[in-house]
């Protein structure tokens, strides 16, 4: 059984991911000092409540639109986090 997620299942616009976070009002995405294995910069999206309380942070990346050439951000989905967690726990179980 293939449990690998597609790119579009693993990465979505922050506004889409934010809808799954209780109390979400707005988000901010900032560049971190880390890089993905591919060399692409890692960004962090922080989701806030309307009162400015940080609710959650997610790994994000900046991409360029093929159509417009403009940059946009996507962040990790709940499904991607769950898949990564399952993968790590099954790896640990086989050691």
PDB file of N, CA and C in Angstrom:
ATOM      1  N   UNK A   1       0.828  -1.182   0.000  1.00  0.00           N
ATOM      2  CA  UNK A   1       0.000   0.000   0.000  1.00  0.00           C
ATOM      3  C   UNK A   1       0.877   1.253   0.000  1.00  0.00           C
ATOM      4  N   UNK A   2       0.641   2.167  -0.911  1.00  0.00           N
ATOM      5  CA  UNK A   2       1.413   3.397  -1.004  1.00  0.00           C
ATOM      6  C   UNK A   2       0.769   4.462  -0.122  1.00  0.00           C
ATOM      7  N   UNK A   3       1.491   4.874   0.891  1.00  0.00           N
ATOM      8  CA  UNK A   3       0.959   5.888   1.806  1.00  0.00           C
ATOM      9  C   UNK A   3       1.608   7.257   1.579  1.00  0.00           C
ATOM     10  N   UNK A   4       2.386   7.374   0.510  1.00  0.00           N
ATOM     11  CA  UNK A   4       3.025   8.652   0.208  1.00  0.00           C
ATOM     12  C   UNK A   4       1.980   9.672  -0.228  1.00  0.00           C
ATOM     13  N   UNK A   5       2.105  10.867   0.296  1.00  0.00           N
ATOM     14  CA  UNK A   5       1.210  11.958  -0.085  1.00  0.00           C
ATOM     15  C   UNK A   5       1.780  12.688  -1.291  1.00  0.00           C
ATOM     16  N   UNK A   6       0.908  13.231  -2.113  1.00  0.00           N
ATOM     17  CA  UNK A   6       1.360  14.062  -3.216  1.00  0.00           C
ATOM     18  C   UNK A   6       1.806  15.420  -2.666  1.00  0.00           C
ATOM     19  N   UNK A   7       2.477  16.192  -3.516  1.00  0.00           N
ATOM     20  CA  UNK A   7       2.908  17.516  -3.093  1.00  0.00           C
ATOM     21  C   UNK A   7       1.709  18.362  -2.680  1.00  0.00           C
ATOM     22  N   UNK A   8       0.643  18.320  -3.472  1.00  0.00           N
ATOM     23  CA  UNK A   8      -0.526  19.163  -3.167  1.00  0.00           C
ATOM     24  C   UNK A   8      -1.286  18.685  -1.936  1.00  0.00           C
ATOM     25  N   UNK A   9      -1.108  17.443  -1.542  1.00  0.00           N
ATOM     26  CA  UNK A   9      -1.701  16.966  -0.283  1.00  0.00           C
ATOM     27  C   UNK A   9      -0.846  17.369   0.918  1.00  0.00           C
ATOM     28  N   UNK A  10       0.448  17.498   0.701  1.00  0.00           N
ATOM     29  CA  UNK A  10       1.381  17.802   1.781  1.00  0.00           C
ATOM     30  C   UNK A  10       1.569  19.288   2.030  1.00  0.00           C
ATOM     31  N   UNK A  11       1.383  20.110   0.980  1.00  0.00           N
ATOM     32  CA  UNK A  11       1.649  21.547   1.060  1.00  0.00           C
ATOM     33  C   UNK A  11       0.456  22.314   0.516  1.00  0.00           C
ATOM     34  N   UNK A  12      -0.072  23.228   1.318  1.00  0.00           N
ATOM     35  CA  UNK A  12      -1.214  24.051   0.905  1.00  0.00           C
ATOM     36  C   UNK A  12      -0.969  25.500   1.308  1.00  0.00           C
ATOM     37  N   UNK A  13      -1.754  26.400   0.711  1.00  0.00           N
ATOM     38  CA  UNK A  13      -1.651  27.811   1.077  1.00  0.00           C
ATOM     39  C   UNK A  13      -1.931  27.968   2.569  1.00  0.00           C
ATOM     40  N   UNK A  14      -1.228  28.875   3.245  1.00  0.00           N
ATOM     41  CA  UNK A  14      -1.458  29.088   4.674  1.00  0.00           C
ATOM     42  C   UNK A  14      -2.924  29.383   5.009  1.00  0.00           C
ATOM     43  N   UNK A  15      -3.626  30.101   4.149  1.00  0.00           N
ATOM     44  CA  UNK A  15      -5.038  30.404   4.428  1.00  0.00           C
ATOM     45  C   UNK A  15      -5.890  29.135   4.460  1.00  0.00           C
ATOM     46  N   UNK A  16      -5.526  28.146   3.662  1.00  0.00           N
ATOM     47  CA  UNK A  16      -6.259  26.868   3.656  1.00  0.00           C
ATOM     48  C   UNK A  16      -5.936  26.086   4.919  1.00  0.00           C
ATOM     49  N   UNK A  17      -4.662  26.008   5.267  1.00  0.00           N
ATOM     50  CA  UNK A  17      -4.244  25.293   6.484  1.00  0.00           C
ATOM     51  C   UNK A  17      -4.831  25.974   7.719  1.00  0.00           C
ATOM     52  N   UNK A  18      -4.869  27.289   7.717  1.00  0.00           N
ATOM     53  CA  UNK A  18      -5.390  28.042   8.856  1.00  0.00           C
ATOM     54  C   UNK A  18      -6.830  27.704   9.195  1.00  0.00           C
ATOM     55  N   UNK A  19      -7.612  27.332   8.184  1.00  0.00           N
ATOM     56  CA  UNK A  19      -9.025  26.972   8.430  1.00  0.00           C
ATOM     57  C   UNK A  19      -9.162  25.757   9.338  1.00  0.00           C
ATOM     58  N   UNK A  20      -8.101  24.942   9.428  1.00  0.00           N
ATOM     59  CA  UNK A  20      -8.130  23.745  10.271  1.00  0.00           C
ATOM     60  C   UNK A  20      -7.685  24.037  11.708  1.00  0.00           C
ATOM     61  N   UNK A  21      -7.238  25.259  11.962  1.00  0.00           N
ATOM     62  CA  UNK A  21      -6.711  25.618  13.283  1.00  0.00           C
ATOM     63  C   UNK A  21      -7.758  26.440  14.027  1.00  0.00           C
ATOM     64  N   UNK A  22      -8.199  25.911  15.155  1.00  0.00           N
ATOM     65  CA  UNK A  22      -9.244  26.574  15.935  1.00  0.00           C
ATOM     66  C   UNK A  22      -8.750  27.929  16.434  1.00  0.00           C
ATOM     67  N   UNK A  23      -9.540  28.964  16.192  1.00  0.00           N
ATOM     68  CA  UNK A  23      -9.222  30.303  16.656  1.00  0.00           C
ATOM     69  C   UNK A  23      -8.328  31.095  15.716  1.00  0.00           C
ATOM     70  N   UNK A  24      -7.982  30.520  14.551  1.00  0.00           N
ATOM     71  CA  UNK A  24      -7.092  31.180  13.589  1.00  0.00           C
ATOM     72  C   UNK A  24      -7.711  32.462  13.055  1.00  0.00           C
ATOM     73  N   UNK A  25      -6.906  33.520  13.027  1.00  0.00           N
ATOM     74  CA  UNK A  25      -7.344  34.795  12.475  1.00  0.00           C
ATOM     75  C   UNK A  25      -6.435  35.263  11.344  1.00  0.00           C
ATOM     76  N   UNK A  26      -5.122  35.152  11.552  1.00  0.00           N
ATOM     77  CA  UNK A  26      -4.176  35.563  10.519  1.00  0.00           C
ATOM     78  C   UNK A  26      -2.868  34.807  10.707  1.00  0.00           C
ATOM     79  N   UNK A  27      -1.977  34.922   9.715  1.00  0.00           N
ATOM     80  CA  UNK A  27      -0.689  34.243   9.813  1.00  0.00           C
ATOM     81  C   UNK A  27       0.421  35.127   9.254  1.00  0.00           C
ATOM     82  N   UNK A  28       1.638  34.797   9.637  1.00  0.00           N
ATOM     83  CA  UNK A  28       2.834  35.468   9.134  1.00  0.00           C
ATOM     84  C   UNK A  28       3.848  34.400   8.768  1.00  0.00           C
ATOM     85  N   UNK A  29       4.527  34.600   7.645  1.00  0.00           N
ATOM     86  CA  UNK A  29       5.547  33.657   7.192  1.00  0.00           C
ATOM     87  C   UNK A  29       6.886  34.370   7.145  1.00  0.00           C
ATOM     88  N   UNK A  30       7.885  33.769   7.791  1.00  0.00           N
ATOM     89  CA  UNK A  30       9.220  34.351   7.857  1.00  0.00           C
ATOM     90  C   UNK A  30      10.266  33.316   7.475  1.00  0.00           C
ATOM     91  N   UNK A  31      11.340  33.785   6.864  1.00  0.00           N
ATOM     92  CA  UNK A  31      12.447  32.920   6.480  1.00  0.00           C
ATOM     93  C   UNK A  31      13.206  32.489   7.733  1.00  0.00           C
ATOM     94  N   UNK A  32      13.577  31.218   7.790  1.00  0.00           N
ATOM     95  CA  UNK A  32      14.396  30.724   8.897  1.00  0.00           C
ATOM     96  C   UNK A  32      15.847  30.628   8.413  1.00  0.00           C
ATOM     97  N   UNK A  33      16.724  30.196   9.279  1.00  0.00           N
ATOM     98  CA  UNK A  33      18.127  30.039   8.887  1.00  0.00           C
ATOM     99  C   UNK A  33      18.425  28.620   8.389  1.00  0.00           C
ATOM    100  N   UNK A  34      17.405  27.779   8.281  1.00  0.00           N
ATOM    101  CA  UNK A  34      17.571  26.390   7.832  1.00  0.00           C
ATOM    102  C   UNK A  34      17.315  26.274   6.332  1.00  0.00           C
ATOM    103  N   UNK A  35      17.724  25.130   5.780  1.00  0.00           N
ATOM    104  CA  UNK A  35      17.461  24.823   4.382  1.00  0.00           C
ATOM    105  C   UNK A  35      16.945  23.392   4.282  1.00  0.00           C
ATOM    106  N   UNK A  36      16.080  23.140   3.289  1.00  0.00           N
ATOM    107  CA  UNK A  36      15.656  21.783   2.986  1.00  0.00           C
ATOM    108  C   UNK A  36      16.845  21.040   2.382  1.00  0.00           C
ATOM    109  N   UNK A  37      16.762  19.709   2.312  1.00  0.00           N
ATOM    110  CA  UNK A  37      17.840  18.917   1.710  1.00  0.00           C
ATOM    111  C   UNK A  37      18.125  19.354   0.277  1.00  0.00           C
ATOM    112  N   UNK A  38      17.121  19.875  -0.404  1.00  0.00           N
ATOM    113  CA  UNK A  38      17.269  20.325  -1.788  1.00  0.00           C
ATOM    114  C   UNK A  38      18.050  21.638  -1.890  1.00  0.00           C
ATOM    115  N   UNK A  39      18.263  22.313  -0.757  1.00  0.00           N
ATOM    116  CA  UNK A  39      18.935  23.600  -0.754  1.00  0.00           C
ATOM    117  C   UNK A  39      17.974  24.781  -0.710  1.00  0.00           C
ATOM    118  N   UNK A  40      16.674  24.497  -0.879  1.00  0.00           N
ATOM    119  CA  UNK A  40      15.650  25.553  -0.821  1.00  0.00           C
ATOM    120  C   UNK A  40      15.542  26.072   0.614  1.00  0.00           C
ATOM    121  N   UNK A  41      15.349  27.384   0.760  1.00  0.00           N
ATOM    122  CA  UNK A  41      15.200  27.991   2.088  1.00  0.00           C
ATOM    123  C   UNK A  41      13.951  27.463   2.789  1.00  0.00           C
ATOM    124  N   UNK A  42      14.067  27.242   4.100  1.00  0.00           N
ATOM    125  CA  UNK A  42      12.925  26.855   4.932  1.00  0.00           C
ATOM    126  C   UNK A  42      12.311  28.125   5.506  1.00  0.00           C
ATOM    127  N   UNK A  43      11.006  28.230   5.421  1.00  0.00           N
ATOM    128  CA  UNK A  43      10.256  29.323   6.022  1.00  0.00           C
ATOM    129  C   UNK A  43       9.407  28.749   7.143  1.00  0.00           C
ATOM    130  N   UNK A  44       8.974  29.597   8.045  1.00  0.00           N
ATOM    131  CA  UNK A  44       8.094  29.201   9.141  1.00  0.00           C
ATOM    132  C   UNK A  44       6.848  30.078   9.088  1.00  0.00           C
ATOM    133  N   UNK A  45       5.679  29.434   9.056  1.00  0.00           N
ATOM    134  CA  UNK A  45       4.418  30.166   9.119  1.00  0.00           C
ATOM    135  C   UNK A  45       3.857  30.028  10.525  1.00  0.00           C
ATOM    136  N   UNK A  46       3.567  31.157  11.137  1.00  0.00           N
ATOM    137  CA  UNK A  46       2.977  31.180  12.470  1.00  0.00           C
ATOM    138  C   UNK A  46       1.535  31.641  12.334  1.00  0.00           C
ATOM    139  N   UNK A  47       0.630  30.876  12.924  1.00  0.00           N
ATOM    140  CA  UNK A  47      -0.800  31.181  12.887  1.00  0.00           C
ATOM    141  C   UNK A  47      -1.196  31.829  14.201  1.00  0.00           C
ATOM    142  N   UNK A  48      -1.925  32.937  14.104  1.00  0.00           N
ATOM    143  CA  UNK A  48      -2.293  33.729  15.286  1.00  0.00           C
ATOM    144  C   UNK A  48      -3.805  33.817  15.452  1.00  0.00           C
ATOM    145  N   UNK A  49      -4.210  34.036  16.701  1.00  0.00           N
ATOM    146  CA  UNK A  49      -5.610  34.341  17.006  1.00  0.00           C
ATOM    147  C   UNK A  49      -5.834  35.828  16.755  1.00  0.00           C
ATOM    148  N   UNK A  50      -7.080  36.264  16.843  1.00  0.00           N
ATOM    149  CA  UNK A  50      -7.390  37.683  16.633  1.00  0.00           C
ATOM    150  C   UNK A  50      -6.763  38.573  17.700  1.00  0.00           C
ATOM    151  N   UNK A  51      -6.425  38.000  18.854  1.00  0.00           N
ATOM    152  CA  UNK A  51      -5.782  38.783  19.919  1.00  0.00           C
ATOM    153  C   UNK A  51      -4.257  38.749  19.826  1.00  0.00           C
ATOM    154  N   UNK A  52      -3.725  38.108  18.779  1.00  0.00           N
ATOM    155  CA  UNK A  52      -2.278  38.086  18.579  1.00  0.00           C
ATOM    156  C   UNK A  52      -1.539  36.964  19.256  1.00  0.00           C
ATOM    157  N   UNK A  53      -2.265  36.005  19.817  1.00  0.00           N
ATOM    158  CA  UNK A  53      -1.639  34.858  20.463  1.00  0.00           C
ATOM    159  C   UNK A  53      -1.236  33.845  19.389  1.00  0.00           C
ATOM    160  N   UNK A  54       0.025  33.401  19.420  1.00  0.00           N
ATOM    161  CA  UNK A  54       0.494  32.387  18.469  1.00  0.00           C
ATOM    162  C   UNK A  54      -0.172  31.058  18.803  1.00  0.00           C
ATOM    163  N   UNK A  55      -0.878  30.493  17.831  1.00  0.00           N
ATOM    164  CA  UNK A  55      -1.591  29.242  18.042  1.00  0.00           C
ATOM    165  C   UNK A  55      -0.771  28.032  17.610  1.00  0.00           C
ATOM    166  N   UNK A  56      -0.036  28.190  16.507  1.00  0.00           N
ATOM    167  CA  UNK A  56       0.678  27.055  15.935  1.00  0.00           C
ATOM    168  C   UNK A  56       1.699  27.565  14.929  1.00  0.00           C
ATOM    169  N   UNK A  57       2.766  26.799  14.738  1.00  0.00           N
ATOM    170  CA  UNK A  57       3.732  27.111  13.686  1.00  0.00           C
ATOM    171  C   UNK A  57       3.865  25.905  12.772  1.00  0.00           C
ATOM    172  N   UNK A  58       4.140  26.176  11.511  1.00  0.00           N
ATOM    173  CA  UNK A  58       4.314  25.119  10.508  1.00  0.00           C
ATOM    174  C   UNK A  58       5.515  25.422   9.630  1.00  0.00           C
ATOM    175  N   UNK A  59       6.157  24.382   9.159  1.00  0.00           N
ATOM    176  CA  UNK A  59       7.199  24.523   8.159  1.00  0.00           C
ATOM    177  C   UNK A  59       6.560  25.000   6.862  1.00  0.00           C
ATOM    178  N   UNK A  60       7.222  25.929   6.191  1.00  0.00           N
ATOM    179  CA  UNK A  60       6.690  26.482   4.950  1.00  0.00           C
ATOM    180  C   UNK A  60       7.816  26.620   3.928  1.00  0.00           C
ATOM    181  N   UNK A  61       7.433  26.859   2.685  1.00  0.00           N
ATOM    182  CA  UNK A  61       8.408  27.138   1.642  1.00  0.00           C
ATOM    183  C   UNK A  61       7.847  28.182   0.700  1.00  0.00           C
ATOM    184  N   UNK A  62       8.750  28.900   0.057  1.00  0.00           N
ATOM    185  CA  UNK A  62       8.356  29.918  -0.907  1.00  0.00           C
ATOM    186  C   UNK A  62       8.606  29.358  -2.302  1.00  0.00           C
ATOM    187  N   UNK A  63       7.614  29.490  -3.147  1.00  0.00           N
ATOM    188  CA  UNK A  63       7.689  29.023  -4.531  1.00  0.00           C
ATOM    189  C   UNK A  63       7.430  30.175  -5.478  1.00  0.00           C
ATOM    190  N   UNK A  64       7.729  29.973  -6.760  1.00  0.00           N
ATOM    191  CA  UNK A  64       7.430  30.974  -7.779  1.00  0.00           C
ATOM    192  C   UNK A  64       6.337  30.441  -8.695  1.00  0.00           C
ATOM    193  N   UNK A  65       5.344  31.260  -8.955  1.00  0.00           N
ATOM    194  CA  UNK A  65       4.252  30.899  -9.849  1.00  0.00           C
ATOM    195  C   UNK A  65       4.777  30.736 -11.271  1.00  0.00           C
ATOM    196  N   UNK A  66       4.406  29.631 -11.923  1.00  0.00           N
ATOM    197  CA  UNK A  66       4.786  29.423 -13.317  1.00  0.00           C
ATOM    198  C   UNK A  66       4.106  30.437 -14.226  1.00  0.00           C
ATOM    199  N   UNK A  67       2.900  30.847 -13.851  1.00  0.00           N
ATOM    200  CA  UNK A  67       2.128  31.763 -14.701  1.00  0.00           C
ATOM    201  C   UNK A  67       2.580  33.209 -14.581  1.00  0.00           C
ATOM    202  N   UNK A  68       2.781  33.673 -13.351  1.00  0.00           N
ATOM    203  CA  UNK A  68       3.072  35.095 -13.146  1.00  0.00           C
ATOM    204  C   UNK A  68       4.518  35.384 -12.764  1.00  0.00           C
ATOM    205  N   UNK A  69       5.215  34.371 -12.273  1.00  0.00           N
ATOM    206  CA  UNK A  69       6.571  34.578 -11.785  1.00  0.00           C
ATOM    207  C   UNK A  69       6.620  35.171 -10.393  1.00  0.00           C
ATOM    208  N   UNK A  70       5.459  35.399  -9.793  1.00  0.00           N
ATOM    209  CA  UNK A  70       5.387  35.977  -8.445  1.00  0.00           C
ATOM    210  C   UNK A  70       5.594  34.903  -7.382  1.00  0.00           C
ATOM    211  N   UNK A  71       6.258  35.261  -6.279  1.00  0.00           N
ATOM    212  CA  UNK A  71       6.447  34.289  -5.199  1.00  0.00           C
ATOM    213  C   UNK A  71       5.151  34.082  -4.401  1.00  0.00           C
ATOM    214  N   UNK A  72       5.004  32.876  -3.875  1.00  0.00           N
ATOM    215  CA  UNK A  72       3.908  32.565  -2.962  1.00  0.00           C
ATOM    216  C   UNK A  72       4.395  31.509  -1.983  1.00  0.00           C
ATOM    217  N   UNK A  73       3.716  31.398  -0.855  1.00  0.00           N
ATOM    218  CA  UNK A  73       4.108  30.440   0.183  1.00  0.00           C
ATOM    219  C   UNK A  73       3.102  29.309   0.298  1.00  0.00           C
ATOM    220  N   UNK A  74       3.616  28.155   0.653  1.00  0.00           N
ATOM    221  CA  UNK A  74       2.785  27.012   1.020  1.00  0.00           C
ATOM    222  C   UNK A  74       3.331  26.488   2.340  1.00  0.00           C
ATOM    223  N   UNK A  75       2.464  25.886   3.150  1.00  0.00           N
ATOM    224  CA  UNK A  75       2.936  25.326   4.408  1.00  0.00           C
ATOM    225  C   UNK A  75       2.429  23.908   4.574  1.00  0.00           C
ATOM    226  N   UNK A  76       3.054  23.212   5.478  1.00  0.00           N
ATOM    227  CA  UNK A  76       2.792  21.798   5.704  1.00  0.00           C
ATOM    228  C   UNK A  76       1.384  21.573   6.246  1.00  0.00           C
ATOM    229  N   UNK A  77       0.721  20.553   5.729  1.00  0.00           N
ATOM    230  CA  UNK A  77      -0.640  20.220   6.141  1.00  0.00           C
ATOM    231  C   UNK A  77      -0.639  19.268   7.335  1.00  0.00           C
ATOM    232  N   UNK A  78      -1.802  19.129   7.958  1.00  0.00           N
ATOM    233  CA  UNK A  78      -1.956  18.153   9.040  1.00  0.00           C
ATOM    234  C   UNK A  78      -1.635  16.745   8.546  1.00  0.00           C
ATOM    235  N   UNK A  79      -2.044  16.423   7.320  1.00  0.00           N
ATOM    236  CA  UNK A  79      -1.812  15.099   6.747  1.00  0.00           C
ATOM    237  C   UNK A  79      -0.320  14.818   6.607  1.00  0.00           C
ATOM    238  N   UNK A  80       0.432  15.814   6.175  1.00  0.00           N
ATOM    239  CA  UNK A  80       1.880  15.640   6.014  1.00  0.00           C
ATOM    240  C   UNK A  80       2.566  15.439   7.356  1.00  0.00           C
ATOM    241  N   UNK A  81       2.142  16.193   8.353  1.00  0.00           N
ATOM    242  CA  UNK A  81       2.713  16.042   9.695  1.00  0.00           C
ATOM    243  C   UNK A  81       2.391  14.657  10.242  1.00  0.00           C
ATOM    244  N   UNK A  82       1.158  14.206  10.055  1.00  0.00           N
ATOM    245  CA  UNK A  82       0.759  12.882  10.532  1.00  0.00           C
ATOM    246  C   UNK A  82       1.533  11.777   9.814  1.00  0.00           C
ATOM    247  N   UNK A  83       1.717  11.915   8.503  1.00  0.00           N
ATOM    248  CA  UNK A  83       2.450  10.911   7.729  1.00  0.00           C
ATOM    249  C   UNK A  83       3.907  10.846   8.181  1.00  0.00           C
ATOM    250  N   UNK A  84       4.508  11.999   8.417  1.00  0.00           N
ATOM    251  CA  UNK A  84       5.896  12.042   8.878  1.00  0.00           C
ATOM    252  C   UNK A  84       6.018  11.401  10.256  1.00  0.00           C
ATOM    253  N   UNK A  85       5.056  11.673  11.130  1.00  0.00           N
ATOM    254  CA  UNK A  85       5.062  11.109  12.480  1.00  0.00           C
ATOM    255  C   UNK A  85       4.905   9.587  12.423  1.00  0.00           C
ATOM    256  N   UNK A  86       3.982   9.109  11.568  1.00  0.00           N
ATOM    257  CA  UNK A  86       3.797   7.659  11.404  1.00  0.00           C
ATOM    258  C   UNK A  86       5.073   7.016  10.880  1.00  0.00           C
ATOM    259  N   UNK A  87       5.703   7.660   9.930  1.00  0.00           N
ATOM    260  CA  UNK A  87       6.933   7.128   9.337  1.00  0.00           C
ATOM    261  C   UNK A  87       8.042   7.017  10.382  1.00  0.00           C
ATOM    262  N   UNK A  88       8.181   8.049  11.204  1.00  0.00           N
ATOM    263  CA  UNK A  88       9.216   8.028  12.245  1.00  0.00           C
ATOM    264  C   UNK A  88       8.923   6.966  13.284  1.00  0.00           C
ATOM    265  N   UNK A  89       7.651   6.806  13.685  1.00  0.00           N
ATOM    266  CA  UNK A  89       7.318   5.836  14.721  1.00  0.00           C
ATOM    267  C   UNK A  89       7.466   4.407  14.189  1.00  0.00           C
ATOM    268  N   UNK A  90       7.158   4.172  12.908  1.00  0.00           N
ATOM    269  CA  UNK A  90       7.330   2.825  12.366  1.00  0.00           C
ATOM    270  C   UNK A  90       8.804   2.508  12.189  1.00  0.00           C
ATOM    271  N   UNK A  91       9.633   3.509  11.870  1.00  0.00           N
ATOM    272  CA  UNK A  91      11.080   3.313  11.762  1.00  0.00           C
ATOM    273  C   UNK A  91      11.656   2.977  13.128  1.00  0.00           C
ATOM    274  N   UNK A  92      11.203   3.654  14.146  1.00  0.00           N
ATOM    275  CA  UNK A  92      11.687   3.404  15.495  1.00  0.00           C
ATOM    276  C   UNK A  92      11.281   2.018  15.969  1.00  0.00           C
ATOM    277  N   UNK A  93      10.129   1.553  15.543  1.00  0.00           N
ATOM    278  CA  UNK A  93       9.637   0.239  15.966  1.00  0.00           C
ATOM    279  C   UNK A  93      10.451  -0.892  15.352  1.00  0.00           C
ATOM    280  N   UNK A  94      11.075  -0.652  14.194  1.00  0.00           N
ATOM    281  CA  UNK A  94      11.839  -1.701  13.529  1.00  0.00           C
ATOM    282  C   UNK A  94      13.288  -1.755  13.975  1.00  0.00           C
ATOM    283  N   UNK A  95      13.717  -0.803  14.794  1.00  0.00           N
ATOM    284  CA  UNK A  95      15.124  -0.763  15.231  1.00  0.00           C
ATOM    285  C   UNK A  95      15.347  -1.724  16.364  1.00  0.00           C
TER     286      UNK A  95
END
